Amino acid sequence: MGDKFAVDIDKVIHERARLLILSYLASNSGKKIQFNELKESLSFTSGNLSVQLKNLEEVKYIKIHKRIKDNKPQTSVSLTPEGLKALKEYLKVMEDLIKTVNNQEDN
């Protein structure tokens, strides 16, 4: 039998929608992003985006900001330092996994 193979993957981030959300927020230099911009940019429905944002907020990877402007509710989202750290750690794990697989192909 071979050696045990274990990869410590953040299960919160390792879901397509949440990975896209965190990546989009990180690529926008930590600015607050309006809910509708995020929804349109990622081609999500309002319901799906709301659920995924709640999941990310529960683990403190994002902050959801709500306010009233011109008598209309506005929601924006920002990446927290914890979220950026978790995303970077996730990407490092993925890079290491890719290197491992690529090294096996070379042998």
N, C-alpha and C. Protein backbone atom coordinates (compact mmCIF):
# COMPACT_ATOMS: atom_id res chain seq x y z
N MET A 1 0.83 -1.18 0.00
CA MET A 1 0.00 0.00 0.00
C MET A 1 0.87 1.24 0.00
N GLY A 2 0.32 2.31 -0.58
CA GLY A 2 1.05 3.57 -0.65
C GLY A 2 0.92 4.37 0.63
N ASP A 3 1.66 5.46 0.65
CA ASP A 3 1.57 6.37 1.78
C ASP A 3 0.18 7.02 1.81
N LYS A 4 -0.21 7.43 3.00
CA LYS A 4 -1.48 8.13 3.14
C LYS A 4 -1.38 9.48 2.43
N PHE A 5 -2.41 9.82 1.71
CA PHE A 5 -2.43 11.08 0.97
C PHE A 5 -3.54 11.95 1.55
N ALA A 6 -3.16 13.04 2.17
CA ALA A 6 -4.15 13.93 2.78
C ALA A 6 -3.87 15.37 2.37
N VAL A 7 -4.92 16.05 2.03
CA VAL A 7 -4.83 17.46 1.67
C VAL A 7 -5.82 18.21 2.55
N ASP A 8 -5.34 19.24 3.22
CA ASP A 8 -6.19 20.02 4.12
C ASP A 8 -6.83 21.17 3.33
N ILE A 9 -8.03 20.90 2.81
CA ILE A 9 -8.73 21.88 1.98
C ILE A 9 -9.83 22.55 2.80
N ASP A 10 -9.87 23.88 2.75
CA ASP A 10 -10.92 24.64 3.43
C ASP A 10 -12.24 24.34 2.73
N LYS A 11 -13.12 23.62 3.40
CA LYS A 11 -14.38 23.19 2.78
C LYS A 11 -15.34 24.35 2.53
N VAL A 12 -15.19 25.44 3.26
CA VAL A 12 -16.04 26.60 3.01
C VAL A 12 -15.67 27.23 1.67
N ILE A 13 -14.39 27.40 1.44
CA ILE A 13 -13.93 28.02 0.19
C ILE A 13 -14.03 27.06 -0.98
N HIS A 14 -13.84 25.78 -0.72
CA HIS A 14 -13.78 24.78 -1.80
C HIS A 14 -15.17 24.45 -2.32
N GLU A 15 -15.87 25.47 -2.70
CA GLU A 15 -17.18 25.37 -3.32
C GLU A 15 -17.19 26.48 -4.36
N ARG A 16 -17.57 26.14 -5.57
CA ARG A 16 -17.42 27.04 -6.71
C ARG A 16 -17.92 28.47 -6.44
N ALA A 17 -19.14 28.61 -5.97
CA ALA A 17 -19.73 29.93 -5.77
C ALA A 17 -18.94 30.74 -4.75
N ARG A 18 -18.59 30.12 -3.63
CA ARG A 18 -17.87 30.86 -2.58
C ARG A 18 -16.45 31.20 -3.02
N LEU A 19 -15.82 30.32 -3.77
CA LEU A 19 -14.49 30.61 -4.30
C LEU A 19 -14.54 31.80 -5.26
N LEU A 20 -15.56 31.83 -6.11
CA LEU A 20 -15.72 32.96 -7.04
C LEU A 20 -15.95 34.27 -6.29
N ILE A 21 -16.80 34.23 -5.28
CA ILE A 21 -17.09 35.44 -4.50
C ILE A 21 -15.82 35.97 -3.84
N LEU A 22 -15.10 35.11 -3.14
CA LEU A 22 -13.87 35.55 -2.45
C LEU A 22 -12.83 36.04 -3.44
N SER A 23 -12.70 35.37 -4.56
CA SER A 23 -11.72 35.78 -5.58
C SER A 23 -12.08 37.14 -6.16
N TYR A 24 -13.36 37.35 -6.41
CA TYR A 24 -13.81 38.64 -6.95
C TYR A 24 -13.53 39.76 -5.94
N LEU A 25 -13.88 39.52 -4.69
CA LEU A 25 -13.64 40.53 -3.67
C LEU A 25 -12.15 40.81 -3.51
N ALA A 26 -11.33 39.78 -3.52
CA ALA A 26 -9.88 39.95 -3.38
C ALA A 26 -9.30 40.71 -4.57
N SER A 27 -9.84 40.48 -5.75
CA SER A 27 -9.32 41.15 -6.94
C SER A 27 -9.72 42.61 -7.00
N ASN A 28 -10.62 43.02 -6.14
CA ASN A 28 -11.05 44.42 -6.08
C ASN A 28 -10.45 45.15 -4.89
N SER A 29 -9.28 44.72 -4.49
CA SER A 29 -8.47 45.41 -3.46
C SER A 29 -9.21 45.67 -2.15
N GLY A 30 -10.08 44.77 -1.76
CA GLY A 30 -10.74 44.91 -0.48
C GLY A 30 -11.81 45.99 -0.41
N LYS A 31 -12.19 46.55 -1.55
CA LYS A 31 -13.24 47.57 -1.57
C LYS A 31 -14.59 46.93 -1.27
N LYS A 32 -15.53 47.76 -0.80
CA LYS A 32 -16.90 47.30 -0.66
C LYS A 32 -17.50 47.16 -2.06
N ILE A 33 -18.11 46.02 -2.31
CA ILE A 33 -18.72 45.75 -3.60
C ILE A 33 -20.23 45.66 -3.40
N GLN A 34 -20.97 46.38 -4.23
CA GLN A 34 -22.42 46.34 -4.15
C GLN A 34 -22.95 44.96 -4.50
N PHE A 35 -24.00 44.55 -3.81
CA PHE A 35 -24.62 43.25 -4.01
C PHE A 35 -24.95 43.03 -5.49
N ASN A 36 -25.56 44.02 -6.13
CA ASN A 36 -25.96 43.86 -7.53
C ASN A 36 -24.77 43.73 -8.46
N GLU A 37 -23.69 44.43 -8.18
CA GLU A 37 -22.48 44.29 -9.00
C GLU A 37 -21.94 42.86 -8.88
N LEU A 38 -21.90 42.36 -7.67
CA LEU A 38 -21.42 41.00 -7.44
C LEU A 38 -22.32 39.99 -8.14
N LYS A 39 -23.61 40.17 -8.01
CA LYS A 39 -24.59 39.27 -8.63
C LYS A 39 -24.42 39.25 -10.15
N GLU A 40 -24.32 40.42 -10.75
CA GLU A 40 -24.20 40.50 -12.21
C GLU A 40 -22.84 40.02 -12.70
N SER A 41 -21.79 40.39 -12.01
CA SER A 41 -20.44 40.00 -12.43
C SER A 41 -20.23 38.50 -12.38
N LEU A 42 -20.85 37.84 -11.40
CA LEU A 42 -20.67 36.40 -11.23
C LEU A 42 -21.81 35.58 -11.81
N SER A 43 -22.82 36.27 -12.38
CA SER A 43 -23.99 35.60 -12.98
C SER A 43 -24.71 34.69 -11.99
N PHE A 44 -24.94 35.21 -10.79
CA PHE A 44 -25.67 34.48 -9.75
C PHE A 44 -27.09 35.01 -9.68
N THR A 45 -27.98 34.19 -9.13
CA THR A 45 -29.31 34.70 -8.79
C THR A 45 -29.19 35.40 -7.43
N SER A 46 -30.16 36.25 -7.14
CA SER A 46 -30.15 36.93 -5.84
C SER A 46 -30.19 35.94 -4.69
N GLY A 47 -31.03 34.92 -4.83
CA GLY A 47 -31.16 33.92 -3.77
C GLY A 47 -29.88 33.15 -3.53
N ASN A 48 -29.25 32.68 -4.60
CA ASN A 48 -28.01 31.92 -4.46
C ASN A 48 -26.91 32.79 -3.85
N LEU A 49 -26.79 34.02 -4.33
CA LEU A 49 -25.76 34.90 -3.80
C LEU A 49 -26.00 35.17 -2.32
N SER A 50 -27.23 35.41 -1.94
CA SER A 50 -27.55 35.67 -0.52
C SER A 50 -27.15 34.51 0.37
N VAL A 51 -27.46 33.29 -0.06
CA VAL A 51 -27.12 32.10 0.72
C VAL A 51 -25.61 31.96 0.86
N GLN A 52 -24.89 32.15 -0.24
CA GLN A 52 -23.43 31.99 -0.21
C GLN A 52 -22.78 33.09 0.64
N LEU A 53 -23.29 34.30 0.55
CA LEU A 53 -22.75 35.39 1.37
C LEU A 53 -22.98 35.10 2.86
N LYS A 54 -24.13 34.57 3.19
CA LYS A 54 -24.41 34.23 4.59
C LYS A 54 -23.42 33.18 5.09
N ASN A 55 -23.16 32.17 4.26
CA ASN A 55 -22.19 31.13 4.64
C ASN A 55 -20.80 31.73 4.88
N LEU A 56 -20.40 32.65 4.03
CA LEU A 56 -19.08 33.27 4.17
C LEU A 56 -19.03 34.22 5.37
N GLU A 57 -20.13 34.89 5.64
CA GLU A 57 -20.18 35.80 6.79
C GLU A 57 -20.13 35.01 8.10
N GLU A 58 -20.75 33.85 8.14
CA GLU A 58 -20.76 33.03 9.36
C GLU A 58 -19.36 32.65 9.81
N VAL A 59 -18.44 32.46 8.85
CA VAL A 59 -17.06 32.10 9.21
C VAL A 59 -16.15 33.33 9.20
N LYS A 60 -16.76 34.51 9.08
CA LYS A 60 -16.05 35.79 9.16
C LYS A 60 -15.07 36.03 8.00
N TYR A 61 -15.35 35.44 6.83
CA TYR A 61 -14.52 35.67 5.65
C TYR A 61 -14.93 36.94 4.92
N ILE A 62 -16.18 37.36 5.12
CA ILE A 62 -16.66 38.61 4.53
C ILE A 62 -17.45 39.38 5.56
N LYS A 63 -17.68 40.64 5.26
CA LYS A 63 -18.55 41.49 6.08
C LYS A 63 -19.64 42.00 5.16
N ILE A 64 -20.88 41.88 5.59
CA ILE A 64 -22.02 42.39 4.84
C ILE A 64 -22.43 43.72 5.46
N HIS A 65 -22.50 44.75 4.63
CA HIS A 65 -22.84 46.10 5.07
C HIS A 65 -24.23 46.44 4.53
N LYS A 66 -25.13 46.87 5.40
CA LYS A 66 -26.47 47.26 4.97
C LYS A 66 -26.72 48.70 5.39
N ARG A 67 -27.35 49.45 4.47
CA ARG A 67 -27.70 50.82 4.78
C ARG A 67 -28.90 51.23 3.93
N ILE A 68 -29.48 52.34 4.28
CA ILE A 68 -30.60 52.90 3.53
C ILE A 68 -30.09 54.15 2.82
N LYS A 69 -30.32 54.21 1.51
CA LYS A 69 -29.94 55.38 0.72
C LYS A 69 -31.14 55.75 -0.15
N ASP A 70 -31.58 56.97 -0.03
CA ASP A 70 -32.77 57.44 -0.76
C ASP A 70 -33.97 56.52 -0.52
N ASN A 71 -34.15 56.16 0.73
CA ASN A 71 -35.25 55.28 1.16
C ASN A 71 -35.21 53.89 0.54
N LYS A 72 -34.05 53.47 0.05
CA LYS A 72 -33.90 52.14 -0.53
C LYS A 72 -32.78 51.41 0.21
N PRO A 73 -33.02 50.14 0.53
CA PRO A 73 -31.94 49.38 1.19
C PRO A 73 -30.82 49.08 0.20
N GLN A 74 -29.60 49.21 0.68
CA GLN A 74 -28.43 48.88 -0.14
C GLN A 74 -27.55 47.92 0.65
N THR A 75 -27.07 46.91 -0.05
CA THR A 75 -26.19 45.92 0.56
C THR A 75 -24.88 45.91 -0.19
N SER A 76 -23.80 45.97 0.56
CA SER A 76 -22.48 45.82 -0.04
C SER A 76 -21.71 44.78 0.77
N VAL A 77 -20.64 44.30 0.18
CA VAL A 77 -19.88 43.20 0.77
C VAL A 77 -18.40 43.55 0.70
N SER A 78 -17.66 43.20 1.73
CA SER A 78 -16.20 43.38 1.70
C SER A 78 -15.52 42.14 2.27
N LEU A 79 -14.32 41.93 1.80
CA LEU A 79 -13.49 40.82 2.26
C LEU A 79 -12.84 41.21 3.57
N THR A 80 -12.86 40.33 4.54
CA THR A 80 -12.20 40.60 5.82
C THR A 80 -10.74 40.14 5.74
N PRO A 81 -9.89 40.61 6.66
CA PRO A 81 -8.52 40.10 6.70
C PRO A 81 -8.48 38.58 6.86
N GLU A 82 -9.41 38.03 7.67
CA GLU A 82 -9.49 36.58 7.84
C GLU A 82 -9.83 35.89 6.53
N GLY A 83 -10.73 36.50 5.76
CA GLY A 83 -11.12 35.94 4.47
C GLY A 83 -9.98 35.94 3.48
N LEU A 84 -9.22 37.04 3.45
CA LEU A 84 -8.07 37.11 2.55
C LEU A 84 -7.02 36.08 2.93
N LYS A 85 -6.77 35.95 4.23
CA LYS A 85 -5.80 34.96 4.71
C LYS A 85 -6.24 33.55 4.34
N ALA A 86 -7.52 33.25 4.55
CA ALA A 86 -8.04 31.91 4.23
C ALA A 86 -7.95 31.64 2.73
N LEU A 87 -8.25 32.63 1.91
CA LEU A 87 -8.17 32.46 0.45
C LEU A 87 -6.73 32.20 0.03
N LYS A 88 -5.80 32.95 0.58
CA LYS A 88 -4.38 32.74 0.24
C LYS A 88 -3.92 31.35 0.67
N GLU A 89 -4.33 30.91 1.85
CA GLU A 89 -3.96 29.57 2.32
C GLU A 89 -4.57 28.50 1.42
N TYR A 90 -5.81 28.69 1.01
CA TYR A 90 -6.48 27.75 0.11
C TYR A 90 -5.72 27.67 -1.22
N LEU A 91 -5.36 28.82 -1.77
CA LEU A 91 -4.64 28.85 -3.05
C LEU A 91 -3.27 28.18 -2.92
N LYS A 92 -2.62 28.34 -1.78
CA LYS A 92 -1.33 27.69 -1.55
C LYS A 92 -1.49 26.17 -1.54
N VAL A 93 -2.52 25.68 -0.88
CA VAL A 93 -2.79 24.24 -0.85
C VAL A 93 -3.03 23.74 -2.27
N MET A 94 -3.80 24.49 -3.05
CA MET A 94 -4.07 24.09 -4.43
C MET A 94 -2.78 24.09 -5.27
N GLU A 95 -1.94 25.11 -5.08
CA GLU A 95 -0.65 25.17 -5.80
C GLU A 95 0.21 23.95 -5.46
N ASP A 96 0.27 23.62 -4.18
CA ASP A 96 1.07 22.46 -3.75
C ASP A 96 0.51 21.17 -4.34
N LEU A 97 -0.80 21.05 -4.38
CA LEU A 97 -1.44 19.87 -4.96
C LEU A 97 -1.13 19.76 -6.45
N ILE A 98 -1.20 20.87 -7.15
CA ILE A 98 -0.88 20.88 -8.59
C ILE A 98 0.57 20.47 -8.81
N LYS A 99 1.47 21.00 -8.00
CA LYS A 99 2.89 20.63 -8.12
C LYS A 99 3.08 19.14 -7.89
N THR A 100 2.41 18.60 -6.88
CA THR A 100 2.52 17.17 -6.59
C THR A 100 2.05 16.34 -7.77
N VAL A 101 0.93 16.69 -8.34
CA VAL A 101 0.39 15.94 -9.48
C VAL A 101 1.30 16.09 -10.69
N ASN A 102 1.77 17.30 -10.95
CA ASN A 102 2.66 17.53 -12.09
C ASN A 102 3.97 16.77 -11.93
N ASN A 103 4.49 16.69 -10.71
CA ASN A 103 5.73 15.94 -10.47
C ASN A 103 5.52 14.46 -10.73
N GLN A 104 4.34 13.94 -10.43
CA GLN A 104 4.04 12.53 -10.70
C GLN A 104 4.00 12.26 -12.20
N GLU A 105 3.51 13.23 -12.97
CA GLU A 105 3.47 13.07 -14.43
C GLU A 105 4.87 13.02 -15.01
N ASP A 106 5.80 13.74 -14.39
CA ASP A 106 7.18 13.80 -14.90
C ASP A 106 7.95 12.53 -14.59
N ASN A 107 7.51 11.74 -13.63
CA ASN A 107 8.23 10.52 -13.24
C ASN A 107 7.87 9.35 -14.10
